[in-house]
Amino acid sequence: MFKKVVIIFFSLFFISIAVAEEIFLSLKKNKVNVRYGPSLESPIKYIYKKLDLPIKQIDKKENFRRIIDHKKNSGWIHTSQLKKINSVIPLKDKILFKKPSNFSKPLAKIKKGRLLIIQKCEVNWCKIKTGKFKGWIDKNNIWGQIN
């Protein structure tokens, strides 16, 4: 009996660690170097030129985070270039509504891949801002962690 309890405890512990490691962040600057390795001496792989772009942390080493974006590009970024998540990207076209309801007035069509800045979220909806538009989108089919 004790053995089963210990096994269950450790299984739950490691599952919770695996889930906790999925962290979404946003880019702090509008020019961010992505490197091949976790070092400032490591060569630059490519450069992001999109402030607030949401990315997912998949590994960490000292002051560097290995990330992946919604297009499956990956590399290492220094922590000084990252901040808490404040944006999402729709993976499919969406409708922006005036209120958090499918029966509300539609305001705009949001194309997949567009950067959306989160203002606040509720259970199934988020109030976002993009360009000159503000409104609500449902949380389905988006890249980025929303609480």
C-alpha atoms as a PDB file:
ATOM      1  CA  MET A   1       0.000   0.000   0.000  1.00  0.00           C
ATOM      2  CA  PHE A   2       2.759   2.470   0.954  1.00  0.00           C
ATOM      3  CA  LYS A   3       4.605   1.682  -2.280  1.00  0.00           C
ATOM      4  CA  LYS A   4       1.504   2.535  -4.352  1.00  0.00           C
ATOM      5  CA  VAL A   5       1.050   5.839  -2.514  1.00  0.00           C
ATOM      6  CA  VAL A   6       4.704   6.785  -3.098  1.00  0.00           C
ATOM      7  CA  ILE A   7       4.465   5.890  -6.789  1.00  0.00           C
ATOM      8  CA  ILE A   8       1.283   7.914  -7.210  1.00  0.00           C
ATOM      9  CA  PHE A   9       2.810  10.887  -5.363  1.00  0.00           C
ATOM     10  CA  PHE A  10       5.951  10.905  -7.519  1.00  0.00           C
ATOM     11  CA  SER A  11       3.898  10.457 -10.697  1.00  0.00           C
ATOM     12  CA  LEU A  12       1.744  13.465  -9.826  1.00  0.00           C
ATOM     13  CA  PHE A  13       4.822  15.462  -8.826  1.00  0.00           C
ATOM     14  CA  PHE A  14       6.588  14.880 -12.163  1.00  0.00           C
ATOM     15  CA  ILE A  15       3.408  15.505 -14.177  1.00  0.00           C
ATOM     16  CA  SER A  16       2.944  18.848 -12.387  1.00  0.00           C
ATOM     17  CA  ILE A  17       6.561  19.796 -13.141  1.00  0.00           C
ATOM     18  CA  ALA A  18       6.081  18.966 -16.828  1.00  0.00           C
ATOM     19  CA  VAL A  19       2.937  21.100 -16.983  1.00  0.00           C
ATOM     20  CA  ALA A  20       4.537  23.953 -15.026  1.00  0.00           C
ATOM     21  CA  GLU A  21       7.438  24.133 -17.480  1.00  0.00           C
ATOM     22  CA  GLU A  22       5.138  25.299 -20.314  1.00  0.00           C
ATOM     23  CA  ILE A  23       5.593  29.039 -19.895  1.00  0.00           C
ATOM     24  CA  PHE A  24       4.523  31.684 -22.390  1.00  0.00           C
ATOM     25  CA  LEU A  25       6.387  34.983 -22.559  1.00  0.00           C
ATOM     26  CA  SER A  26       6.401  38.046 -24.828  1.00  0.00           C
ATOM     27  CA  LEU A  27       9.232  39.928 -26.483  1.00  0.00           C
ATOM     28  CA  LYS A  28      10.177  43.074 -24.549  1.00  0.00           C
ATOM     29  CA  LYS A  29      11.831  44.891 -27.476  1.00  0.00           C
ATOM     30  CA  ASN A  30      11.095  45.314 -31.184  1.00  0.00           C
ATOM     31  CA  LYS A  31      14.494  43.857 -32.109  1.00  0.00           C
ATOM     32  CA  VAL A  32      15.469  40.609 -30.343  1.00  0.00           C
ATOM     33  CA  ASN A  33      18.368  38.315 -31.243  1.00  0.00           C
ATOM     34  CA  VAL A  34      17.677  34.581 -31.245  1.00  0.00           C
ATOM     35  CA  ARG A  35      20.858  32.546 -30.832  1.00  0.00           C
ATOM     36  CA  TYR A  36      21.938  28.988 -31.618  1.00  0.00           C
ATOM     37  CA  GLY A  37      23.023  28.433 -28.013  1.00  0.00           C
ATOM     38  CA  PRO A  38      22.559  29.872 -24.501  1.00  0.00           C
ATOM     39  CA  SER A  39      25.410  32.375 -24.619  1.00  0.00           C
ATOM     40  CA  LEU A  40      26.095  35.897 -25.886  1.00  0.00           C
ATOM     41  CA  GLU A  41      29.055  34.399 -27.743  1.00  0.00           C
ATOM     42  CA  SER A  42      26.762  31.977 -29.590  1.00  0.00           C
ATOM     43  CA  PRO A  43      26.004  33.077 -33.180  1.00  0.00           C
ATOM     44  CA  ILE A  44      22.730  34.810 -33.993  1.00  0.00           C
ATOM     45  CA  LYS A  45      20.292  32.436 -35.704  1.00  0.00           C
ATOM     46  CA  TYR A  46      17.701  35.083 -36.630  1.00  0.00           C
ATOM     47  CA  ILE A  47      16.239  38.359 -35.340  1.00  0.00           C
ATOM     48  CA  TYR A  48      12.659  38.997 -34.244  1.00  0.00           C
ATOM     49  CA  LYS A  49      11.387  42.471 -35.146  1.00  0.00           C
ATOM     50  CA  LYS A  50       8.011  42.340 -33.400  1.00  0.00           C
ATOM     51  CA  LEU A  51       7.420  43.925 -29.979  1.00  0.00           C
ATOM     52  CA  ASP A  52       5.086  41.836 -27.755  1.00  0.00           C
ATOM     53  CA  LEU A  53       5.340  38.695 -29.918  1.00  0.00           C
ATOM     54  CA  PRO A  54       4.218  35.715 -27.789  1.00  0.00           C
ATOM     55  CA  ILE A  55       6.691  32.830 -27.536  1.00  0.00           C
ATOM     56  CA  LYS A  56       6.802  29.626 -25.504  1.00  0.00           C
ATOM     57  CA  GLN A  57       9.719  28.766 -23.219  1.00  0.00           C
ATOM     58  CA  ILE A  58      10.781  25.137 -23.716  1.00  0.00           C
ATOM     59  CA  ASP A  59      14.062  25.103 -21.777  1.00  0.00           C
ATOM     60  CA  LYS A  60      16.273  27.338 -19.667  1.00  0.00           C
ATOM     61  CA  LYS A  61      19.942  27.657 -18.840  1.00  0.00           C
ATOM     62  CA  GLU A  62      21.160  30.392 -16.525  1.00  0.00           C
ATOM     63  CA  ASN A  63      20.021  33.755 -18.039  1.00  0.00           C
ATOM     64  CA  PHE A  64      18.843  32.271 -21.345  1.00  0.00           C
ATOM     65  CA  ARG A  65      15.552  30.730 -22.368  1.00  0.00           C
ATOM     66  CA  ARG A  66      15.089  28.318 -25.244  1.00  0.00           C
ATOM     67  CA  ILE A  67      11.915  29.347 -27.021  1.00  0.00           C
ATOM     68  CA  ILE A  68       9.633  28.264 -29.820  1.00  0.00           C
ATOM     69  CA  ASP A  69       7.163  30.486 -31.695  1.00  0.00           C
ATOM     70  CA  HIS A  70       3.809  29.791 -33.354  1.00  0.00           C
ATOM     71  CA  LYS A  71       5.601  28.938 -36.631  1.00  0.00           C
ATOM     72  CA  LYS A  72       7.847  26.350 -34.873  1.00  0.00           C
ATOM     73  CA  ASN A  73      11.022  28.508 -35.070  1.00  0.00           C
ATOM     74  CA  SER A  74      13.246  27.972 -32.047  1.00  0.00           C
ATOM     75  CA  GLY A  75      16.414  29.269 -30.428  1.00  0.00           C
ATOM     76  CA  TRP A  76      17.846  30.913 -27.333  1.00  0.00           C
ATOM     77  CA  ILE A  77      16.990  34.423 -26.038  1.00  0.00           C
ATOM     78  CA  HIS A  78      18.527  36.310 -23.101  1.00  0.00           C
ATOM     79  CA  THR A  79      16.034  36.914 -20.271  1.00  0.00           C
ATOM     80  CA  SER A  80      16.540  40.697 -20.503  1.00  0.00           C
ATOM     81  CA  GLN A  81      14.651  40.570 -23.825  1.00  0.00           C
ATOM     82  CA  LEU A  82      11.587  38.781 -22.391  1.00  0.00           C
ATOM     83  CA  LYS A  83       8.602  39.771 -20.267  1.00  0.00           C
ATOM     84  CA  LYS A  84       5.420  38.294 -18.855  1.00  0.00           C
ATOM     85  CA  ILE A  85       2.923  37.282 -21.565  1.00  0.00           C
ATOM     86  CA  ASN A  86       0.625  40.121 -22.683  1.00  0.00           C
ATOM     87  CA  SER A  87      -0.344  39.019 -26.180  1.00  0.00           C
ATOM     88  CA  VAL A  88      -1.690  36.157 -28.287  1.00  0.00           C
ATOM     89  CA  ILE A  89      -1.808  35.163 -31.935  1.00  0.00           C
ATOM     90  CA  PRO A  90      -4.909  33.547 -33.459  1.00  0.00           C
ATOM     91  CA  LEU A  91      -4.178  30.265 -35.250  1.00  0.00           C
ATOM     92  CA  LYS A  92      -7.384  30.632 -37.303  1.00  0.00           C
ATOM     93  CA  ASP A  93      -9.392  33.635 -38.536  1.00  0.00           C
ATOM     94  CA  LYS A  94     -11.594  35.035 -35.758  1.00  0.00           C
ATOM     95  CA  ILE A  95     -14.415  37.523 -35.298  1.00  0.00           C
ATOM     96  CA  LEU A  96     -13.913  40.457 -32.934  1.00  0.00           C
ATOM     97  CA  PHE A  97     -17.101  41.132 -30.972  1.00  0.00           C
ATOM     98  CA  LYS A  98     -18.263  44.196 -29.041  1.00  0.00           C
ATOM     99  CA  LYS A  99     -19.087  42.066 -25.962  1.00  0.00           C
ATOM    100  CA  PRO A 100     -17.984  38.571 -24.816  1.00  0.00           C
ATOM    101  CA  SER A 101     -20.746  36.707 -26.672  1.00  0.00           C
ATOM    102  CA  ASN A 102     -21.245  35.205 -30.130  1.00  0.00           C
ATOM    103  CA  PHE A 103     -24.578  37.060 -30.174  1.00  0.00           C
ATOM    104  CA  SER A 104     -22.907  40.437 -29.698  1.00  0.00           C
ATOM    105  CA  LYS A 105     -22.250  42.895 -32.527  1.00  0.00           C
ATOM    106  CA  PRO A 106     -19.310  41.770 -34.725  1.00  0.00           C
ATOM    107  CA  LEU A 107     -16.718  44.541 -35.087  1.00  0.00           C
ATOM    108  CA  ALA A 108     -14.024  43.089 -37.366  1.00  0.00           C
ATOM    109  CA  LYS A 109     -12.566  39.953 -38.871  1.00  0.00           C
ATOM    110  CA  ILE A 110      -9.204  39.113 -37.309  1.00  0.00           C
ATOM    111  CA  LYS A 111      -6.874  37.213 -39.647  1.00  0.00           C
ATOM    112  CA  LYS A 112      -4.839  34.290 -38.320  1.00  0.00           C
ATOM    113  CA  GLY A 113      -1.304  35.300 -37.344  1.00  0.00           C
ATOM    114  CA  ARG A 114      -2.203  38.855 -36.268  1.00  0.00           C
ATOM    115  CA  LEU A 115      -0.697  40.072 -32.989  1.00  0.00           C
ATOM    116  CA  LEU A 116      -3.377  40.804 -30.374  1.00  0.00           C
ATOM    117  CA  ILE A 117      -2.647  42.650 -27.117  1.00  0.00           C
ATOM    118  CA  ILE A 118      -4.595  41.267 -24.151  1.00  0.00           C
ATOM    119  CA  GLN A 119      -6.410  43.808 -21.982  1.00  0.00           C
ATOM    120  CA  LYS A 120      -8.257  41.307 -19.757  1.00  0.00           C
ATOM    121  CA  CYS A 121      -9.686  37.799 -19.877  1.00  0.00           C
ATOM    122  CA  GLU A 122     -12.741  36.022 -18.573  1.00  0.00           C
ATOM    123  CA  VAL A 123     -13.635  32.318 -18.607  1.00  0.00           C
ATOM    124  CA  ASN A 124     -13.969  31.814 -22.391  1.00  0.00           C
ATOM    125  CA  TRP A 125     -13.234  35.300 -23.756  1.00  0.00           C
ATOM    126  CA  CYS A 126     -10.476  37.899 -23.863  1.00  0.00           C
ATOM    127  CA  LYS A 127     -10.729  41.624 -24.440  1.00  0.00           C
ATOM    128  CA  ILE A 128      -7.994  42.544 -26.899  1.00  0.00           C
ATOM    129  CA  LYS A 129      -6.594  45.496 -28.785  1.00  0.00           C
ATOM    130  CA  THR A 130      -5.081  45.380 -32.272  1.00  0.00           C
ATOM    131  CA  GLY A 131      -4.406  48.436 -34.374  1.00  0.00           C
ATOM    132  CA  LYS A 132      -7.485  50.684 -34.154  1.00  0.00           C
ATOM    133  CA  PHE A 133      -9.770  47.854 -32.977  1.00  0.00           C
ATOM    134  CA  LYS A 134     -10.781  46.852 -29.439  1.00  0.00           C
ATOM    135  CA  GLY A 135     -13.181  44.070 -28.604  1.00  0.00           C
ATOM    136  CA  TRP A 136     -13.643  40.479 -27.483  1.00  0.00           C
ATOM    137  CA  ILE A 137     -12.473  37.172 -29.000  1.00  0.00           C
ATOM    138  CA  ASP A 138     -13.103  33.644 -27.801  1.00  0.00           C
ATOM    139  CA  LYS A 139     -10.107  31.756 -26.393  1.00  0.00           C
ATOM    140  CA  ASN A 140     -10.214  28.877 -28.906  1.00  0.00           C
ATOM    141  CA  ASN A 141      -7.373  28.385 -31.412  1.00  0.00           C
ATOM    142  CA  ILE A 142      -4.929  30.968 -30.125  1.00  0.00           C
ATOM    143  CA  TRP A 143      -1.172  30.832 -29.498  1.00  0.00           C
ATOM    144  CA  GLY A 144      -0.240  32.072 -26.057  1.00  0.00           C
ATOM    145  CA  GLN A 145      -1.243  31.212 -22.523  1.00  0.00           C
ATOM    146  CA  ILE A 146      -4.309  32.968 -21.227  1.00  0.00           C
ATOM    147  CA  ASN A 147      -5.347  32.853 -17.604  1.00  0.00           C
END
